[in-house]
Amino acid sequence: MKVFYLISIFSLFSIHVQAYEFPYETLDGSYKDTTIPIEISPSTPIKAQDGIGLCYGFSATSLLESYRCRELKLNCDDPKEFLSSLDVTSYYERKSLKEGGDTYRIFSNIENSKRKIAKEECVQFSALVHQMVDYKNIMQKDEKRGWIFLVKKWNEYRGIGKDVRRNDCVACLADEIKKNLPNVQTPIDQLKDAFTSSHSMEEFLYKSLLPAQCMEENKMASIPEFKSKSYPGYNEKADANAVAKKVESLLLSSIPVEISICTQKDFTDKCSAQSAHSIALFGIKQVCSSRKNDCRTMVKVKNSYGNTWQLQNNNGWVNLKSLADSSFLLTQNNNISWIEKPGFILIEKSLSKKSVTSLMSTVNSRAGGGIPDEYKNYYGIWKCPGTKYVDQYEPGCIPLK
């Protein structure tokens, strides 16, 4: 019954200050790279959910875009190849947009469909959150403003008597949407129909924000066949360490991973509904601190909090253990999800990790080793001429930063 649990957990999600603190452990400057960072490509640019509880859909979109670009050899930096995060999200409960959901369920539903997704250039998420005109005809850019406006219009419609609904009120409400959200491309007649034919707010949001012309199959993106996976399953027992090991194997196999986490800073044994979050992982490396006699596995987070979050959090590199630990505060099943080619068999893999002892040996062997003075305090990987990388200084090499 985990689906119902996830619905309740994610449904009240919203961004708040403490989400920037835990569990994104970035470590201090004494930790240096001891393995060459592995970053999975292709990968589309960072997107922002702007306060709307669709993180699970954004994570799914990142993985689907990467898979599609890799399998079809497409340029993932080309905006024409971006998938609509709104349409991807709608696969959680088909033909509806719900704040809060399960990434694995999205993958499973797409896998068992025609695997057609609208493109972002036609169904623009940015048209919803950043482009609302206020009563003074000034463009507002507040988080979630357009989404809240649509919810308000739906509630106004529901509060009007049935006799009135059949007359001019629906046209007025649709006109208000076109006026206040000018970059939403949904035709006026479709907006009217969204009011009269929808049975829920989530269905209304879907019909209002996904123009019918964008849902024509010849205009949509095709996703190559894939298999949706999650871990641990309903009948599997695992702990945070097992999840971390699975993440490591997947990332080392060039398969990006979605992980559900708890961003709550102060907790006992249960994650609050507002603190549930979903992120995508696209890289892995090891870092060590000789001063602290400690090594950690770091993963590259692709977070739908946007580029500012990435820059403020070590460009997305955070401690894998802290993420895995926080995930088990949220749920004990389907902590991670991913997609893979049919027939793929995952082999357990691990980083070729350097022990702190060997790191200290490297540090001690550096004394008088001809290292330029400006690099005396660097203990990471060195980039040498050409494509050579080494873990000890050689003439002509520079720090890999």
Foldseek 3Di string as FASTA:
>chain_A
DVFVLQQQLQQQAWDDDLLLPPDFAQDDPLKFFAWDKDFFDDWADFAAPQGFQLQLLVQLQRQQLRQQCVVVVHDNDDLLSRFASQQLCCLQPPLFHGRTGHNLSSVVSCLPDQQWTFGCVQQPPCLQQFAFADPVRDTHRHGCVNVVLLLVLLVVLVPDDPVCLVDCSLLVSLVNNCRGRVPQPADSVQLSCLNVPDPDSRNSVSSRRRHPVRVDRVNTDHGPNWDKDFPPAPPDFDALVVVLQVCQLCLVVSWKKKFWFFSDDDDDQAGHSHRIHIWIWGMWGKIDRLVVQDIFIWTAIRGNNDDVSCVVRVNRTGGSSSRSNRLVNSDRIRRMMTIGHPPDDGDRDHDPDDGSVVLVVLLVVCVVVPDPPVCNSHQHWWQAPDRDIDRHDDPRIDDDD
